[in-house]
Amino acid sequence: VQLVESGGGLVQTGGSLTLSCVATGFAFSSRAMNWYRQAPGQEREFVAGITSGGMTSYGDSSARSRFTVSRNNTANTMYLRMDNLKPEDTAVYYCKIVGGDWGQGTQVTVSS
């Protein structure tokens, strides 16, 4: 099992990023997947999730209004589109199989 995140980087306040999580070594299409993030000195928190069938959930109203989680089962990839980014979104973002493995994370830094 391998989960590889990419797409992080440095962006200005109000900018956008799309994170990708490429999955290998398991039946991606049949597994629910989540995005989490961890800011320095803080606990890891749930950001968004998507079921195998494409139903989505978000950690809070801020994520629901600005982020979009999606998946492409043909490409074995999950995405997190993030719009109107804010400095408080700065964190390492991780993808995770529900009940399973974590990716290594990708850094997102939002400058004010």
C-alpha atoms as a PDB file:
ATOM      1  CA  VAL A   1       0.000   0.000   0.000  1.00  0.00           C
ATOM      2  CA  GLN A   2       1.304   3.416  -0.935  1.00  0.00           C
ATOM      3  CA  LEU A   3      -0.272   6.856  -0.804  1.00  0.00           C
ATOM      4  CA  VAL A   4       1.648   9.734  -2.363  1.00  0.00           C
ATOM      5  CA  GLU A   5       0.438  13.309  -1.915  1.00  0.00           C
ATOM      6  CA  SER A   6       1.501  16.177  -4.128  1.00  0.00           C
ATOM      7  CA  GLY A   7       0.418  19.649  -5.103  1.00  0.00           C
ATOM      8  CA  GLY A   8       1.349  21.540  -1.974  1.00  0.00           C
ATOM      9  CA  GLY A   9       3.376  24.709  -2.009  1.00  0.00           C
ATOM     10  CA  LEU A  10       3.483  28.376  -1.125  1.00  0.00           C
ATOM     11  CA  VAL A  11       0.489  30.487  -2.085  1.00  0.00           C
ATOM     12  CA  GLN A  12      -0.764  33.939  -1.170  1.00  0.00           C
ATOM     13  CA  THR A  13      -3.920  34.580   0.812  1.00  0.00           C
ATOM     14  CA  GLY A  14      -6.909  34.138  -1.451  1.00  0.00           C
ATOM     15  CA  GLY A  15      -5.095  31.761  -3.767  1.00  0.00           C
ATOM     16  CA  SER A  16      -5.934  28.202  -4.743  1.00  0.00           C
ATOM     17  CA  LEU A  17      -4.241  24.833  -4.725  1.00  0.00           C
ATOM     18  CA  THR A  18      -5.257  21.339  -5.741  1.00  0.00           C
ATOM     19  CA  LEU A  19      -3.724  18.466  -3.821  1.00  0.00           C
ATOM     20  CA  SER A  20      -3.515  14.976  -5.257  1.00  0.00           C
ATOM     21  CA  CYS A  21      -3.182  11.615  -3.544  1.00  0.00           C
ATOM     22  CA  VAL A  22      -2.135   8.759  -5.801  1.00  0.00           C
ATOM     23  CA  ALA A  23      -2.909   5.340  -4.363  1.00  0.00           C
ATOM     24  CA  THR A  24      -1.303   2.018  -5.218  1.00  0.00           C
ATOM     25  CA  GLY A  25      -1.284  -1.472  -3.798  1.00  0.00           C
ATOM     26  CA  PHE A  26      -4.934  -1.832  -2.878  1.00  0.00           C
ATOM     27  CA  ALA A  27      -8.415  -1.656  -4.374  1.00  0.00           C
ATOM     28  CA  PHE A  28      -8.729   2.128  -4.340  1.00  0.00           C
ATOM     29  CA  SER A  29     -12.173   2.224  -5.912  1.00  0.00           C
ATOM     30  CA  SER A  30     -13.698   0.252  -3.045  1.00  0.00           C
ATOM     31  CA  ARG A  31     -12.228   2.277  -0.176  1.00  0.00           C
ATOM     32  CA  ALA A  32     -13.357   5.496   1.461  1.00  0.00           C
ATOM     33  CA  MET A  33     -10.589   8.071   1.706  1.00  0.00           C
ATOM     34  CA  ASN A  34      -9.945  11.114   3.883  1.00  0.00           C
ATOM     35  CA  TRP A  35      -7.833  14.248   3.926  1.00  0.00           C
ATOM     36  CA  TYR A  36      -6.337  15.452   7.202  1.00  0.00           C
ATOM     37  CA  ARG A  37      -4.041  18.317   8.075  1.00  0.00           C
ATOM     38  CA  GLN A  38      -1.656  19.130  10.884  1.00  0.00           C
ATOM     39  CA  ALA A  39      -0.418  22.608  11.675  1.00  0.00           C
ATOM     40  CA  PRO A  40       2.731  23.150  13.776  1.00  0.00           C
ATOM     41  CA  GLY A  41       2.037  22.475  17.438  1.00  0.00           C
ATOM     42  CA  GLN A  42      -1.500  21.289  16.770  1.00  0.00           C
ATOM     43  CA  GLU A  43      -3.242  17.949  16.533  1.00  0.00           C
ATOM     44  CA  ARG A  44      -4.003  16.374  13.209  1.00  0.00           C
ATOM     45  CA  GLU A  45      -7.548  17.253  12.131  1.00  0.00           C
ATOM     46  CA  PHE A  46     -10.024  15.904   9.636  1.00  0.00           C
ATOM     47  CA  VAL A  47     -10.490  18.117   6.593  1.00  0.00           C
ATOM     48  CA  ALA A  48     -12.632  16.176   4.124  1.00  0.00           C
ATOM     49  CA  GLY A  49     -13.613  12.676   3.134  1.00  0.00           C
ATOM     50  CA  ILE A  50     -15.118  10.809   0.221  1.00  0.00           C
ATOM     51  CA  THR A  51     -16.729   7.388   0.110  1.00  0.00           C
ATOM     52  CA  SER A  52     -16.102   4.809  -2.571  1.00  0.00           C
ATOM     53  CA  GLY A  53     -19.321   5.960  -4.183  1.00  0.00           C
ATOM     54  CA  GLY A  54     -18.389   9.619  -4.133  1.00  0.00           C
ATOM     55  CA  MET A  55     -20.322  10.933  -1.154  1.00  0.00           C
ATOM     56  CA  THR A  56     -18.406  13.732   0.515  1.00  0.00           C
ATOM     57  CA  SER A  57     -18.040  15.153   3.992  1.00  0.00           C
ATOM     58  CA  TYR A  58     -16.104  18.064   5.448  1.00  0.00           C
ATOM     59  CA  GLY A  59     -14.600  18.821   8.811  1.00  0.00           C
ATOM     60  CA  ASP A  60     -16.275  22.171   9.341  1.00  0.00           C
ATOM     61  CA  SER A  61     -18.200  24.902   7.593  1.00  0.00           C
ATOM     62  CA  SER A  62     -15.030  26.696   6.523  1.00  0.00           C
ATOM     63  CA  ALA A  63     -13.760  23.624   4.688  1.00  0.00           C
ATOM     64  CA  ARG A  64     -17.191  22.956   3.204  1.00  0.00           C
ATOM     65  CA  SER A  65     -17.398  26.448   1.745  1.00  0.00           C
ATOM     66  CA  ARG A  66     -13.864  26.613   0.301  1.00  0.00           C
ATOM     67  CA  PHE A  67     -12.640  23.031  -0.322  1.00  0.00           C
ATOM     68  CA  THR A  68     -13.821  20.306  -2.699  1.00  0.00           C
ATOM     69  CA  VAL A  69     -12.839  16.668  -2.312  1.00  0.00           C
ATOM     70  CA  SER A  70     -13.144  14.385  -5.320  1.00  0.00           C
ATOM     71  CA  ARG A  71     -11.773  11.151  -6.693  1.00  0.00           C
ATOM     72  CA  ASN A  72     -10.961   9.484  -9.990  1.00  0.00           C
ATOM     73  CA  ASN A  73     -11.171   5.750  -9.487  1.00  0.00           C
ATOM     74  CA  THR A  74      -9.727   5.069 -12.937  1.00  0.00           C
ATOM     75  CA  ALA A  75      -6.614   7.025 -12.024  1.00  0.00           C
ATOM     76  CA  ASN A  76      -6.541   5.754  -8.415  1.00  0.00           C
ATOM     77  CA  THR A  77      -6.345   9.358  -7.275  1.00  0.00           C
ATOM     78  CA  MET A  78      -8.104  11.535  -4.727  1.00  0.00           C
ATOM     79  CA  TYR A  79      -8.040  15.310  -4.946  1.00  0.00           C
ATOM     80  CA  LEU A  80      -8.568  18.260  -2.647  1.00  0.00           C
ATOM     81  CA  ARG A  81      -9.286  21.533  -4.385  1.00  0.00           C
ATOM     82  CA  MET A  82      -8.729  24.437  -1.989  1.00  0.00           C
ATOM     83  CA  ASP A  83      -9.927  27.944  -2.855  1.00  0.00           C
ATOM     84  CA  ASN A  84      -9.706  31.269  -1.038  1.00  0.00           C
ATOM     85  CA  LEU A  85      -6.847  29.992   1.062  1.00  0.00           C
ATOM     86  CA  LYS A  86      -6.091  31.660   4.378  1.00  0.00           C
ATOM     87  CA  PRO A  87      -2.946  31.726   6.541  1.00  0.00           C
ATOM     88  CA  GLU A  88      -4.695  29.424   9.028  1.00  0.00           C
ATOM     89  CA  ASP A  89      -4.832  26.755   6.311  1.00  0.00           C
ATOM     90  CA  THR A  90      -1.049  26.433   6.573  1.00  0.00           C
ATOM     91  CA  ALA A  91      -0.335  22.816   7.511  1.00  0.00           C
ATOM     92  CA  VAL A  92       0.930  19.494   6.280  1.00  0.00           C
ATOM     93  CA  TYR A  93      -1.920  17.785   4.445  1.00  0.00           C
ATOM     94  CA  TYR A  94      -2.227  14.004   4.557  1.00  0.00           C
ATOM     95  CA  CYS A  95      -4.393  11.528   2.738  1.00  0.00           C
ATOM     96  CA  LYS A  96      -5.563   8.410   4.490  1.00  0.00           C
ATOM     97  CA  ILE A  97      -7.444   5.243   3.723  1.00  0.00           C
ATOM     98  CA  VAL A  98     -10.374   5.069   6.133  1.00  0.00           C
ATOM     99  CA  GLY A  99      -9.289   2.426   8.614  1.00  0.00           C
ATOM    100  CA  GLY A 100      -5.888   2.137   6.955  1.00  0.00           C
ATOM    101  CA  ASP A 101      -2.628   3.702   5.932  1.00  0.00           C
ATOM    102  CA  TRP A 102      -1.489   7.326   5.810  1.00  0.00           C
ATOM    103  CA  GLY A 103       0.444   9.138   3.139  1.00  0.00           C
ATOM    104  CA  GLN A 104       3.629  11.046   3.897  1.00  0.00           C
ATOM    105  CA  GLY A 105       2.014  14.474   3.588  1.00  0.00           C
ATOM    106  CA  THR A 106       2.460  17.585   1.494  1.00  0.00           C
ATOM    107  CA  GLN A 107       3.169  21.043   2.900  1.00  0.00           C
ATOM    108  CA  VAL A 108       0.782  23.901   2.218  1.00  0.00           C
ATOM    109  CA  THR A 109       1.908  27.378   3.237  1.00  0.00           C
ATOM    110  CA  VAL A 110      -0.356  30.395   2.844  1.00  0.00           C
ATOM    111  CA  SER A 111       1.319  33.766   3.167  1.00  0.00           C
ATOM    112  CA  SER A 112      -0.538  36.804   4.431  1.00  0.00           C
END
